[in-house]
Amino acid sequence: MRIGELARATGTTARALRHYEQAGLISSERAANDYRVYDERAVVRVRNIRYLLAAGLTLDDVRVFLPCLDGDVTAAPPSDKGLRVALERLAVLNERIAAQTEARDRLEAALRDTATVVRPV
């Protein structure tokens, strides 16, 4: 199938597919007209990539799951390395959430302080 067909079948964009290919997560052949041509199995692989990205992993993180991207990622037990990567990503996300929460709280406090000092004209 061509790149547009794969994009439609997986709910993604041709640009994202080219990005996944550049990252080494999917591969294609080149037709005589130089169009990318993907195997039917690419549909499952791309859906799994998108599932892992939606779960908060990065493309670099997803590389760890290469051996199981052609199967049912949601049902397969994670490898020790996959589990370690997921736990590390969770820690990073928790740190970011904590930092954003602190920033929100500081902004909220500053607005409260300003509201008591500034009087409407």
PDB file of N, CA and C in Angstrom:
ATOM      1  N   MET A   1       0.849  -1.175   0.000  1.00  0.00           N
ATOM      2  CA  MET A   1       0.000   0.000   0.000  1.00  0.00           C
ATOM      3  C   MET A   1       0.893   1.236   0.000  1.00  0.00           C
ATOM      4  N   ARG A   2       0.373   2.316  -0.538  1.00  0.00           N
ATOM      5  CA  ARG A   2       1.127   3.566  -0.584  1.00  0.00           C
ATOM      6  C   ARG A   2       0.956   4.326   0.724  1.00  0.00           C
ATOM      7  N   ILE A   3       1.751   5.348   0.884  1.00  0.00           N
ATOM      8  CA  ILE A   3       1.811   6.072   2.155  1.00  0.00           C
ATOM      9  C   ILE A   3       0.464   6.683   2.544  1.00  0.00           C
ATOM     10  N   GLY A   4      -0.275   7.230   1.578  1.00  0.00           N
ATOM     11  CA  GLY A   4      -1.579   7.803   1.880  1.00  0.00           C
ATOM     12  C   GLY A   4      -2.569   6.762   2.360  1.00  0.00           C
ATOM     13  N   GLU A   5      -2.507   5.579   1.773  1.00  0.00           N
ATOM     14  CA  GLU A   5      -3.396   4.486   2.185  1.00  0.00           C
ATOM     15  C   GLU A   5      -3.060   4.030   3.608  1.00  0.00           C
ATOM     16  N   LEU A   6      -1.778   3.940   3.901  1.00  0.00           N
ATOM     17  CA  LEU A   6      -1.361   3.550   5.256  1.00  0.00           C
ATOM     18  C   LEU A   6      -1.772   4.619   6.258  1.00  0.00           C
ATOM     19  N   ALA A   7      -1.633   5.878   5.889  1.00  0.00           N
ATOM     20  CA  ALA A   7      -2.031   6.965   6.780  1.00  0.00           C
ATOM     21  C   ALA A   7      -3.526   6.867   7.094  1.00  0.00           C
ATOM     22  N   ARG A   8      -4.332   6.669   6.074  1.00  0.00           N
ATOM     23  CA  ARG A   8      -5.791   6.554   6.296  1.00  0.00           C
ATOM     24  C   ARG A   8      -6.128   5.322   7.139  1.00  0.00           C
ATOM     25  N   ALA A   9      -5.465   4.213   6.876  1.00  0.00           N
ATOM     26  CA  ALA A   9      -5.758   2.972   7.597  1.00  0.00           C
ATOM     27  C   ALA A   9      -5.376   3.047   9.071  1.00  0.00           C
ATOM     28  N   THR A  10      -4.454   3.930   9.402  1.00  0.00           N
ATOM     29  CA  THR A  10      -3.962   4.006  10.787  1.00  0.00           C
ATOM     30  C   THR A  10      -4.348   5.294  11.496  1.00  0.00           C
ATOM     31  N   GLY A  11      -5.051   6.189  10.799  1.00  0.00           N
ATOM     32  CA  GLY A  11      -5.480   7.433  11.423  1.00  0.00           C
ATOM     33  C   GLY A  11      -4.338   8.384  11.702  1.00  0.00           C
ATOM     34  N   THR A  12      -3.322   8.345  10.880  1.00  0.00           N
ATOM     35  CA  THR A  12      -2.181   9.235  11.068  1.00  0.00           C
ATOM     36  C   THR A  12      -1.935  10.022   9.785  1.00  0.00           C
ATOM     37  N   THR A  13      -0.817  10.682   9.692  1.00  0.00           N
ATOM     38  CA  THR A  13      -0.496  11.478   8.512  1.00  0.00           C
ATOM     39  C   THR A  13       0.699  10.877   7.787  1.00  0.00           C
ATOM     40  N   ALA A  14       0.821  11.212   6.528  1.00  0.00           N
ATOM     41  CA  ALA A  14       1.981  10.773   5.754  1.00  0.00           C
ATOM     42  C   ALA A  14       3.258  11.327   6.377  1.00  0.00           C
ATOM     43  N   ARG A  15       3.187  12.536   6.870  1.00  0.00           N
ATOM     44  CA  ARG A  15       4.350  13.150   7.506  1.00  0.00           C
ATOM     45  C   ARG A  15       4.801  12.336   8.716  1.00  0.00           C
ATOM     46  N   ALA A  16       3.841  11.918   9.546  1.00  0.00           N
ATOM     47  CA  ALA A  16       4.188  11.106  10.719  1.00  0.00           C
ATOM     48  C   ALA A  16       4.804   9.781  10.284  1.00  0.00           C
ATOM     49  N   LEU A  17       4.268   9.185   9.232  1.00  0.00           N
ATOM     50  CA  LEU A  17       4.810   7.916   8.752  1.00  0.00           C
ATOM     51  C   LEU A  17       6.248   8.085   8.262  1.00  0.00           C
ATOM     52  N   ARG A  18       6.519   9.161   7.556  1.00  0.00           N
ATOM     53  CA  ARG A  18       7.896   9.422   7.120  1.00  0.00           C
ATOM     54  C   ARG A  18       8.807   9.613   8.333  1.00  0.00           C
ATOM     55  N   HIS A  19       8.283  10.246   9.372  1.00  0.00           N
ATOM     56  CA  HIS A  19       9.042  10.443  10.609  1.00  0.00           C
ATOM     57  C   HIS A  19       9.335   9.095  11.275  1.00  0.00           C
ATOM     58  N   TYR A  20       8.340   8.231  11.352  1.00  0.00           N
ATOM     59  CA  TYR A  20       8.542   6.898  11.930  1.00  0.00           C
ATOM     60  C   TYR A  20       9.572   6.112  11.122  1.00  0.00           C
ATOM     61  N   GLU A  21       9.516   6.278   9.803  1.00  0.00           N
ATOM     62  CA  GLU A  21      10.462   5.572   8.949  1.00  0.00           C
ATOM     63  C   GLU A  21      11.878   6.107   9.165  1.00  0.00           C
ATOM     64  N   GLN A  22      12.009   7.409   9.264  1.00  0.00           N
ATOM     65  CA  GLN A  22      13.313   8.014   9.512  1.00  0.00           C
ATOM     66  C   GLN A  22      13.876   7.563  10.861  1.00  0.00           C
ATOM     67  N   ALA A  23      12.992   7.346  11.816  1.00  0.00           N
ATOM     68  CA  ALA A  23      13.405   6.884  13.143  1.00  0.00           C
ATOM     69  C   ALA A  23      13.706   5.388  13.169  1.00  0.00           C
ATOM     70  N   GLY A  24      13.465   4.691  12.058  1.00  0.00           N
ATOM     71  CA  GLY A  24      13.760   3.264  11.977  1.00  0.00           C
ATOM     72  C   GLY A  24      12.688   2.369  12.558  1.00  0.00           C
ATOM     73  N   LEU A  25      11.492   2.908  12.764  1.00  0.00           N
ATOM     74  CA  LEU A  25      10.414   2.111  13.360  1.00  0.00           C
ATOM     75  C   LEU A  25       9.585   1.369  12.317  1.00  0.00           C
ATOM     76  N   ILE A  26       9.512   1.895  11.114  1.00  0.00           N
ATOM     77  CA  ILE A  26       8.834   1.212  10.009  1.00  0.00           C
ATOM     78  C   ILE A  26       9.742   1.291   8.790  1.00  0.00           C
ATOM     79  N   SER A  27       9.442   0.472   7.796  1.00  0.00           N
ATOM     80  CA  SER A  27      10.242   0.506   6.576  1.00  0.00           C
ATOM     81  C   SER A  27       9.325   0.363   5.373  1.00  0.00           C
ATOM     82  N   SER A  28       9.847   0.781   4.239  1.00  0.00           N
ATOM     83  CA  SER A  28       9.084   0.690   2.999  1.00  0.00           C
ATOM     84  C   SER A  28      10.023   0.295   1.869  1.00  0.00           C
ATOM     85  N   GLU A  29       9.423  -0.113   0.799  1.00  0.00           N
ATOM     86  CA  GLU A  29      10.144  -0.354  -0.448  1.00  0.00           C
ATOM     87  C   GLU A  29       9.846   0.836  -1.342  1.00  0.00           C
ATOM     88  N   ARG A  30      10.603   0.986  -2.406  1.00  0.00           N
ATOM     89  CA  ARG A  30      10.334   2.036  -3.379  1.00  0.00           C
ATOM     90  C   ARG A  30       9.817   1.396  -4.661  1.00  0.00           C
ATOM     91  N   ALA A  31       8.679   1.900  -5.123  1.00  0.00           N
ATOM     92  CA  ALA A  31       8.114   1.429  -6.390  1.00  0.00           C
ATOM     93  C   ALA A  31       8.914   2.037  -7.541  1.00  0.00           C
ATOM     94  N   ALA A  32       8.647   1.590  -8.751  1.00  0.00           N
ATOM     95  CA  ALA A  32       9.355   2.099  -9.937  1.00  0.00           C
ATOM     96  C   ALA A  32       9.198   3.609 -10.070  1.00  0.00           C
ATOM     97  N   ASN A  33       8.057   4.134  -9.631  1.00  0.00           N
ATOM     98  CA  ASN A  33       7.817   5.582  -9.710  1.00  0.00           C
ATOM     99  C   ASN A  33       8.377   6.324  -8.489  1.00  0.00           C
ATOM    100  N   ASP A  34       9.136   5.631  -7.647  1.00  0.00           N
ATOM    101  CA  ASP A  34       9.789   6.152  -6.451  1.00  0.00           C
ATOM    102  C   ASP A  34       8.832   6.417  -5.290  1.00  0.00           C
ATOM    103  N   TYR A  35       7.565   5.975  -5.401  1.00  0.00           N
ATOM    104  CA  TYR A  35       6.637   6.093  -4.280  1.00  0.00           C
ATOM    105  C   TYR A  35       6.994   5.060  -3.214  1.00  0.00           C
ATOM    106  N   ARG A  36       6.759   5.428  -1.969  1.00  0.00           N
ATOM    107  CA  ARG A  36       6.930   4.465  -0.883  1.00  0.00           C
ATOM    108  C   ARG A  36       5.795   3.443  -0.951  1.00  0.00           C
ATOM    109  N   VAL A  37       6.156   2.176  -0.741  1.00  0.00           N
ATOM    110  CA  VAL A  37       5.165   1.105  -0.711  1.00  0.00           C
ATOM    111  C   VAL A  37       5.383   0.309   0.570  1.00  0.00           C
ATOM    112  N   TYR A  38       4.305   0.153   1.340  1.00  0.00           N
ATOM    113  CA  TYR A  38       4.373  -0.519   2.629  1.00  0.00           C
ATOM    114  C   TYR A  38       3.670  -1.866   2.570  1.00  0.00           C
ATOM    115  N   ASP A  39       4.178  -2.795   3.331  1.00  0.00           N
ATOM    116  CA  ASP A  39       3.574  -4.108   3.501  1.00  0.00           C
ATOM    117  C   ASP A  39       2.306  -3.955   4.337  1.00  0.00           C
ATOM    118  N   GLU A  40       1.346  -4.835   4.161  1.00  0.00           N
ATOM    119  CA  GLU A  40       0.091  -4.796   4.934  1.00  0.00           C
ATOM    120  C   GLU A  40       0.343  -4.871   6.442  1.00  0.00           C
ATOM    121  N   ARG A  41       1.416  -5.522   6.831  1.00  0.00           N
ATOM    122  CA  ARG A  41       1.731  -5.649   8.266  1.00  0.00           C
ATOM    123  C   ARG A  41       2.072  -4.312   8.901  1.00  0.00           C
ATOM    124  N   ALA A  42       2.386  -3.318   8.090  1.00  0.00           N
ATOM    125  CA  ALA A  42       2.735  -1.997   8.616  1.00  0.00           C
ATOM    126  C   ALA A  42       1.567  -1.373   9.371  1.00  0.00           C
ATOM    127  N   VAL A  43       0.350  -1.755   9.021  1.00  0.00           N
ATOM    128  CA  VAL A  43      -0.831  -1.198   9.700  1.00  0.00           C
ATOM    129  C   VAL A  43      -0.775  -1.519  11.192  1.00  0.00           C
ATOM    130  N   VAL A  44      -0.519  -2.759  11.532  1.00  0.00           N
ATOM    131  CA  VAL A  44      -0.442  -3.169  12.941  1.00  0.00           C
ATOM    132  C   VAL A  44       0.718  -2.451  13.621  1.00  0.00           C
ATOM    133  N   ARG A  45       1.847  -2.394  12.943  1.00  0.00           N
ATOM    134  CA  ARG A  45       3.039  -1.762  13.523  1.00  0.00           C
ATOM    135  C   ARG A  45       2.775  -0.281  13.824  1.00  0.00           C
ATOM    136  N   VAL A  46       2.185   0.434  12.874  1.00  0.00           N
ATOM    137  CA  VAL A  46       1.919   1.860  13.073  1.00  0.00           C
ATOM    138  C   VAL A  46       0.893   2.064  14.180  1.00  0.00           C
ATOM    139  N   ARG A  47      -0.127   1.241  14.221  1.00  0.00           N
ATOM    140  CA  ARG A  47      -1.116   1.362  15.310  1.00  0.00           C
ATOM    141  C   ARG A  47      -0.469   1.148  16.668  1.00  0.00           C
ATOM    142  N   ASN A  48       0.462   0.197  16.747  1.00  0.00           N
ATOM    143  CA  ASN A  48       1.173  -0.035  18.010  1.00  0.00           C
ATOM    144  C   ASN A  48       2.072   1.142  18.366  1.00  0.00           C
ATOM    145  N   ILE A  49       2.733   1.702  17.376  1.00  0.00           N
ATOM    146  CA  ILE A  49       3.574   2.880  17.618  1.00  0.00           C
ATOM    147  C   ILE A  49       2.713   4.012  18.165  1.00  0.00           C
ATOM    148  N   ARG A  50       1.587   4.247  17.530  1.00  0.00           N
ATOM    149  CA  ARG A  50       0.694   5.323  17.966  1.00  0.00           C
ATOM    150  C   ARG A  50       0.153   5.057  19.380  1.00  0.00           C
ATOM    151  N   TYR A  51      -0.143   3.819  19.693  1.00  0.00           N
ATOM    152  CA  TYR A  51      -0.616   3.450  21.027  1.00  0.00           C
ATOM    153  C   TYR A  51       0.446   3.784  22.079  1.00  0.00           C
ATOM    154  N   LEU A  52       1.693   3.418  21.799  1.00  0.00           N
ATOM    155  CA  LEU A  52       2.779   3.675  22.745  1.00  0.00           C
ATOM    156  C   LEU A  52       3.068   5.167  22.878  1.00  0.00           C
ATOM    157  N   LEU A  53       3.000   5.893  21.775  1.00  0.00           N
ATOM    158  CA  LEU A  53       3.195   7.346  21.830  1.00  0.00           C
ATOM    159  C   LEU A  53       2.074   8.008  22.635  1.00  0.00           C
ATOM    160  N   ALA A  54       0.845   7.547  22.426  1.00  0.00           N
ATOM    161  CA  ALA A  54      -0.297   8.104  23.164  1.00  0.00           C
ATOM    162  C   ALA A  54      -0.193   7.804  24.660  1.00  0.00           C
ATOM    163  N   ALA A  55       0.504   6.726  25.005  1.00  0.00           N
ATOM    164  CA  ALA A  55       0.703   6.375  26.412  1.00  0.00           C
ATOM    165  C   ALA A  55       1.771   7.238  27.073  1.00  0.00           C
ATOM    166  N   GLY A  56       2.446   8.089  26.276  1.00  0.00           N
ATOM    167  CA  GLY A  56       3.426   8.998  26.847  1.00  0.00           C
ATOM    168  C   GLY A  56       4.868   8.670  26.525  1.00  0.00           C
ATOM    169  N   LEU A  57       5.101   7.597  25.778  1.00  0.00           N
ATOM    170  CA  LEU A  57       6.469   7.256  25.409  1.00  0.00           C
ATOM    171  C   LEU A  57       6.933   8.126  24.241  1.00  0.00           C
ATOM    172  N   THR A  58       8.234   8.241  24.084  1.00  0.00           N
ATOM    173  CA  THR A  58       8.813   8.966  22.955  1.00  0.00           C
ATOM    174  C   THR A  58       9.186   7.970  21.861  1.00  0.00           C
ATOM    175  N   LEU A  59       9.539   8.478  20.681  1.00  0.00           N
ATOM    176  CA  LEU A  59       9.978   7.577  19.611  1.00  0.00           C
ATOM    177  C   LEU A  59      11.212   6.788  20.036  1.00  0.00           C
ATOM    178  N   ASP A  60      12.114   7.430  20.760  1.00  0.00           N
ATOM    179  CA  ASP A  60      13.289   6.702  21.259  1.00  0.00           C
ATOM    180  C   ASP A  60      12.868   5.576  22.200  1.00  0.00           C
ATOM    181  N   ASP A  61      11.887   5.850  23.047  1.00  0.00           N
ATOM    182  CA  ASP A  61      11.381   4.813  23.956  1.00  0.00           C
ATOM    183  C   ASP A  61      10.772   3.660  23.167  1.00  0.00           C
ATOM    184  N   VAL A  62      10.036   3.985  22.123  1.00  0.00           N
ATOM    185  CA  VAL A  62       9.326   2.976  21.334  1.00  0.00           C
ATOM    186  C   VAL A  62      10.302   1.983  20.702  1.00  0.00           C
ATOM    187  N   ARG A  63      11.513   2.416  20.412  1.00  0.00           N
ATOM    188  CA  ARG A  63      12.513   1.514  19.797  1.00  0.00           C
ATOM    189  C   ARG A  63      12.743   0.261  20.633  1.00  0.00           C
ATOM    190  N   VAL A  64      12.612   0.403  21.940  1.00  0.00           N
ATOM    191  CA  VAL A  64      12.803  -0.747  22.834  1.00  0.00           C
ATOM    192  C   VAL A  64      11.773  -1.832  22.539  1.00  0.00           C
ATOM    193  N   PHE A  65      10.606  -1.418  22.034  1.00  0.00           N
ATOM    194  CA  PHE A  65       9.518  -2.356  21.792  1.00  0.00           C
ATOM    195  C   PHE A  65       9.517  -2.921  20.373  1.00  0.00           C
ATOM    196  N   LEU A  66      10.549  -2.622  19.579  1.00  0.00           N
ATOM    197  CA  LEU A  66      10.611  -3.096  18.191  1.00  0.00           C
ATOM    198  C   LEU A  66      10.304  -4.586  18.034  1.00  0.00           C
ATOM    199  N   PRO A  67      10.842  -5.459  18.888  1.00  0.00           N
ATOM    200  CA  PRO A  67      10.582  -6.890  18.694  1.00  0.00           C
ATOM    201  C   PRO A  67       9.103  -7.289  18.785  1.00  0.00           C
ATOM    202  N   CYS A  68       8.278  -6.455  19.414  1.00  0.00           N
ATOM    203  CA  CYS A  68       6.874  -6.849  19.575  1.00  0.00           C
ATOM    204  C   CYS A  68       5.895  -5.902  18.869  1.00  0.00           C
ATOM    205  N   LEU A  69       6.391  -4.982  18.045  1.00  0.00           N
ATOM    206  CA  LEU A  69       5.499  -4.019  17.390  1.00  0.00           C
ATOM    207  C   LEU A  69       4.597  -4.643  16.330  1.00  0.00           C
ATOM    208  N   ASP A  70       4.924  -5.847  15.874  1.00  0.00           N
ATOM    209  CA  ASP A  70       4.103  -6.475  14.845  1.00  0.00           C
ATOM    210  C   ASP A  70       3.006  -7.355  15.424  1.00  0.00           C
ATOM    211  N   GLY A  71       2.932  -7.443  16.741  1.00  0.00           N
ATOM    212  CA  GLY A  71       1.910  -8.246  17.390  1.00  0.00           C
ATOM    213  C   GLY A  71       0.965  -7.379  18.198  1.00  0.00           C
ATOM    214  N   ASP A  72       0.323  -7.979  19.188  1.00  0.00           N
ATOM    215  CA  ASP A  72      -0.610  -7.257  20.048  1.00  0.00           C
ATOM    216  C   ASP A  72       0.156  -6.703  21.250  1.00  0.00           C
ATOM    217  N   VAL A  73       0.610  -5.476  21.132  1.00  0.00           N
ATOM    218  CA  VAL A  73       1.411  -4.843  22.182  1.00  0.00           C
ATOM    219  C   VAL A  73       0.637  -4.746  23.490  1.00  0.00           C
ATOM    220  N   THR A  74      -0.659  -4.527  23.400  1.00  0.00           N
ATOM    221  CA  THR A  74      -1.446  -4.340  24.618  1.00  0.00           C
ATOM    222  C   THR A  74      -1.598  -5.631  25.417  1.00  0.00           C
ATOM    223  N   ALA A  75      -1.503  -6.790  24.753  1.00  0.00           N
ATOM    224  CA  ALA A  75      -1.699  -8.070  25.437  1.00  0.00           C
ATOM    225  C   ALA A  75      -0.388  -8.728  25.847  1.00  0.00           C
ATOM    226  N   ALA A  76       0.695  -8.359  25.194  1.00  0.00           N
ATOM    227  CA  ALA A  76       1.981  -9.003  25.476  1.00  0.00           C
ATOM    228  C   ALA A  76       2.560  -8.489  26.792  1.00  0.00           C
ATOM    229  N   PRO A  77       3.136  -9.377  27.578  1.00  0.00           N
ATOM    230  CA  PRO A  77       3.790  -8.912  28.808  1.00  0.00           C
ATOM    231  C   PRO A  77       5.045  -8.118  28.435  1.00  0.00           C
ATOM    232  N   PRO A  78       5.309  -7.015  29.129  1.00  0.00           N
ATOM    233  CA  PRO A  78       6.479  -6.207  28.771  1.00  0.00           C
ATOM    234  C   PRO A  78       7.781  -6.911  29.148  1.00  0.00           C
ATOM    235  N   SER A  79       8.794  -6.664  28.371  1.00  0.00           N
ATOM    236  CA  SER A  79      10.120  -7.171  28.715  1.00  0.00           C
ATOM    237  C   SER A  79      10.644  -6.350  29.886  1.00  0.00           C
ATOM    238  N   ASP A  80      11.697  -6.853  30.512  1.00  0.00           N
ATOM    239  CA  ASP A  80      12.302  -6.095  31.618  1.00  0.00           C
ATOM    240  C   ASP A  80      12.760  -4.726  31.132  1.00  0.00           C
ATOM    241  N   LYS A  81      13.361  -4.687  29.940  1.00  0.00           N
ATOM    242  CA  LYS A  81      13.846  -3.419  29.391  1.00  0.00           C
ATOM    243  C   LYS A  81      12.672  -2.488  29.069  1.00  0.00           C
ATOM    244  N   GLY A  82      11.607  -3.047  28.483  1.00  0.00           N
ATOM    245  CA  GLY A  82      10.424  -2.244  28.173  1.00  0.00           C
ATOM    246  C   GLY A  82       9.786  -1.681  29.426  1.00  0.00           C
ATOM    247  N   LEU A  83       9.709  -2.483  30.449  1.00  0.00           N
ATOM    248  CA  LEU A  83       9.133  -2.039  31.718  1.00  0.00           C
ATOM    249  C   LEU A  83       9.997  -0.942  32.347  1.00  0.00           C
ATOM    250  N   ARG A  84      11.323  -1.096  32.273  1.00  0.00           N
ATOM    251  CA  ARG A  84      12.228  -0.088  32.812  1.00  0.00           C
ATOM    252  C   ARG A  84      12.059   1.246  32.071  1.00  0.00           C
ATOM    253  N   VAL A  85      11.973   1.185  30.745  1.00  0.00           N
ATOM    254  CA  VAL A  85      11.792   2.401  29.941  1.00  0.00           C
ATOM    255  C   VAL A  85      10.473   3.076  30.296  1.00  0.00           C
ATOM    256  N   ALA A  86       9.412   2.298  30.430  1.00  0.00           N
ATOM    257  CA  ALA A  86       8.101   2.860  30.768  1.00  0.00           C
ATOM    258  C   ALA A  86       8.118   3.504  32.154  1.00  0.00           C
ATOM    259  N   LEU A  87       8.763   2.865  33.109  1.00  0.00           N
ATOM    260  CA  LEU A  87       8.842   3.433  34.457  1.00  0.00           C
ATOM    261  C   LEU A  87       9.679   4.712  34.476  1.00  0.00           C
ATOM    262  N   GLU A  88      10.763   4.735  33.686  1.00  0.00           N
ATOM    263  CA  GLU A  88      11.572   5.953  33.587  1.00  0.00           C
ATOM    264  C   GLU A  88      10.770   7.089  32.954  1.00  0.00           C
ATOM    265  N   ARG A  89       9.999   6.778  31.925  1.00  0.00           N
ATOM    266  CA  ARG A  89       9.180   7.808  31.267  1.00  0.00           C
ATOM    267  C   ARG A  89       8.117   8.311  32.230  1.00  0.00           C
ATOM    268  N   LEU A  90       7.520   7.417  33.011  1.00  0.00           N
ATOM    269  CA  LEU A  90       6.523   7.817  34.005  1.00  0.00           C
ATOM    270  C   LEU A  90       7.129   8.775  35.019  1.00  0.00           C
ATOM    271  N   ALA A  91       8.351   8.508  35.449  1.00  0.00           N
ATOM    272  CA  ALA A  91       9.020   9.403  36.403  1.00  0.00           C
ATOM    273  C   ALA A  91       9.234  10.781  35.785  1.00  0.00           C
ATOM    274  N   VAL A  92       9.633  10.828  34.523  1.00  0.00           N
ATOM    275  CA  VAL A  92       9.826  12.110  33.841  1.00  0.00           C
ATOM    276  C   VAL A  92       8.507  12.870  33.753  1.00  0.00           C
ATOM    277  N   LEU A  93       7.449  12.173  33.377  1.00  0.00           N
ATOM    278  CA  LEU A  93       6.134  12.815  33.282  1.00  0.00           C
ATOM    279  C   LEU A  93       5.672  13.329  34.639  1.00  0.00           C
ATOM    280  N   ASN A  94       5.886  12.558  35.689  1.00  0.00           N
ATOM    281  CA  ASN A  94       5.508  13.005  37.034  1.00  0.00           C
ATOM    282  C   ASN A  94       6.291  14.246  37.448  1.00  0.00           C
ATOM    283  N   GLU A  95       7.574  14.316  37.099  1.00  0.00           N
ATOM    284  CA  GLU A  95       8.385  15.500  37.403  1.00  0.00           C
ATOM    285  C   GLU A  95       7.840  16.723  36.662  1.00  0.00           C
ATOM    286  N   ARG A  96       7.491  16.541  35.395  1.00  0.00           N
ATOM    287  CA  ARG A  96       6.946  17.656  34.607  1.00  0.00           C
ATOM    288  C   ARG A  96       5.618  18.131  35.172  1.00  0.00           C
ATOM    289  N   ILE A  97       4.776  17.199  35.561  1.00  0.00           N
ATOM    290  CA  ILE A  97       3.478  17.554  36.132  1.00  0.00           C
ATOM    291  C   ILE A  97       3.683  18.328  37.435  1.00  0.00           C
ATOM    292  N   ALA A  98       4.611  17.879  38.269  1.00  0.00           N
ATOM    293  CA  ALA A  98       4.885  18.569  39.535  1.00  0.00           C
ATOM    294  C   ALA A  98       5.394  19.985  39.272  1.00  0.00           C
ATOM    295  N   ALA A  99       6.281  20.135  38.295  1.00  0.00           N
ATOM    296  CA  ALA A  99       6.810  21.469  37.974  1.00  0.00           C
ATOM    297  C   ALA A  99       5.707  22.376  37.445  1.00  0.00           C
ATOM    298  N   GLN A 100       4.838  21.862  36.609  1.00  0.00           N
ATOM    299  CA  GLN A 100       3.737  22.656  36.070  1.00  0.00           C
ATOM    300  C   GLN A 100       2.737  23.019  37.170  1.00  0.00           C
ATOM    301  N   THR A 101       2.497  22.102  38.083  1.00  0.00           N
ATOM    302  CA  THR A 101       1.592  22.376  39.198  1.00  0.00           C
ATOM    303  C   THR A 101       2.153  23.493  40.079  1.00  0.00           C
ATOM    304  N   GLU A 102       3.459  23.438  40.345  1.00  0.00           N
ATOM    305  CA  GLU A 102       4.098  24.497  41.140  1.00  0.00           C
ATOM    306  C   GLU A 102       4.000  25.847  40.433  1.00  0.00           C
ATOM    307  N   ALA A 103       4.230  25.870  39.124  1.00  0.00           N
ATOM    308  CA  ALA A 103       4.149  27.118  38.359  1.00  0.00           C
ATOM    309  C   ALA A 103       2.720  27.662  38.396  1.00  0.00           C
ATOM    310  N   ARG A 104       1.742  26.798  38.243  1.00  0.00           N
ATOM    311  CA  ARG A 104       0.351  27.220  38.310  1.00  0.00           C
ATOM    312  C   ARG A 104       0.020  27.799  39.671  1.00  0.00           C
ATOM    313  N   ASP A 105       0.474  27.143  40.713  1.00  0.00           N
ATOM    314  CA  ASP A 105       0.197  27.616  42.069  1.00  0.00           C
ATOM    315  C   ASP A 105       0.837  28.981  42.323  1.00  0.00           C
ATOM    316  N   ARG A 106       2.073  29.192  41.820  1.00  0.00           N
ATOM    317  CA  ARG A 106       2.730  30.494  41.983  1.00  0.00           C
ATOM    318  C   ARG A 106       1.974  31.582  41.227  1.00  0.00           C
ATOM    319  N   LEU A 107       1.538  31.284  40.025  1.00  0.00           N
ATOM    320  CA  LEU A 107       0.792  32.257  39.230  1.00  0.00           C
ATOM    321  C   LEU A 107      -0.546  32.573  39.890  1.00  0.00           C
ATOM    322  N   GLU A 108      -1.204  31.553  40.379  1.00  0.00           N
ATOM    323  CA  GLU A 108      -2.484  31.742  41.058  1.00  0.00           C
ATOM    324  C   GLU A 108      -2.313  32.628  42.297  1.00  0.00           C
ATOM    325  N   ALA A 109      -1.250  32.395  43.065  1.00  0.00           N
ATOM    326  CA  ALA A 109      -0.977  33.201  44.263  1.00  0.00           C
ATOM    327  C   ALA A 109      -0.666  34.646  43.879  1.00  0.00           C
ATOM    328  N   ALA A 110       0.123  34.827  42.820  1.00  0.00           N
ATOM    329  CA  ALA A 110       0.458  36.182  42.374  1.00  0.00           C
ATOM    330  C   ALA A 110      -0.796  36.927  41.942  1.00  0.00           C
ATOM    331  N   LEU A 111      -1.697  36.255  41.266  1.00  0.00           N
ATOM    332  CA  LEU A 111      -2.943  36.895  40.841  1.00  0.00           C
ATOM    333  C   LEU A 111      -3.823  37.242  42.035  1.00  0.00           C
ATOM    334  N   ARG A 112      -3.844  36.385  43.031  1.00  0.00           N
ATOM    335  CA  ARG A 112      -4.612  36.675  44.259  1.00  0.00           C
ATOM    336  C   ARG A 112      -4.044  37.901  44.953  1.00  0.00           C
ATOM    337  N   ASP A 113      -2.701  37.945  45.047  1.00  0.00           N
ATOM    338  CA  ASP A 113      -2.045  39.082  45.703  1.00  0.00           C
ATOM    339  C   ASP A 113      -2.317  40.359  44.941  1.00  0.00           C
ATOM    340  N   THR A 114      -2.284  40.305  43.625  1.00  0.00           N
ATOM    341  CA  THR A 114      -2.533  41.471  42.793  1.00  0.00           C
ATOM    342  C   THR A 114      -3.967  41.929  42.903  1.00  0.00           C
ATOM    343  N   ALA A 115      -4.886  41.003  42.985  1.00  0.00           N
ATOM    344  CA  ALA A 115      -6.303  41.333  43.059  1.00  0.00           C
ATOM    345  C   ALA A 115      -6.630  42.091  44.346  1.00  0.00           C
ATOM    346  N   THR A 116      -5.875  41.834  45.417  1.00  0.00           N
ATOM    347  CA  THR A 116      -6.157  42.554  46.674  1.00  0.00           C
ATOM    348  C   THR A 116      -5.518  43.943  46.681  1.00  0.00           C
ATOM    349  N   VAL A 117      -4.499  44.171  45.865  1.00  0.00           N
ATOM    350  CA  VAL A 117      -3.819  45.462  45.817  1.00  0.00           C
ATOM    351  C   VAL A 117      -4.444  46.383  44.777  1.00  0.00           C
ATOM    352  N   VAL A 118      -4.774  45.852  43.631  1.00  0.00           N
ATOM    353  CA  VAL A 118      -5.314  46.665  42.531  1.00  0.00           C
ATOM    354  C   VAL A 118      -6.807  46.831  42.717  1.00  0.00           C
ATOM    355  N   ARG A 119      -7.260  48.123  42.660  1.00  0.00           N
ATOM    356  CA  ARG A 119      -8.678  48.420  42.793  1.00  0.00           C
ATOM    357  C   ARG A 119      -9.213  48.869  41.444  1.00  0.00           C
ATOM    358  N   PRO A 120     -10.373  48.398  41.074  1.00  0.00           N
ATOM    359  CA  PRO A 120     -10.945  48.834  39.797  1.00  0.00           C
ATOM    360  C   PRO A 120     -11.188  50.340  39.795  1.00  0.00           C
ATOM    361  N   VAL A 121     -11.012  50.952  38.646  1.00  0.00           N
ATOM    362  CA  VAL A 121     -11.179  52.399  38.506  1.00  0.00           C
ATOM    363  C   VAL A 121     -12.603  52.750  38.171  1.00  0.00           C
TER     364      VAL A 121
END
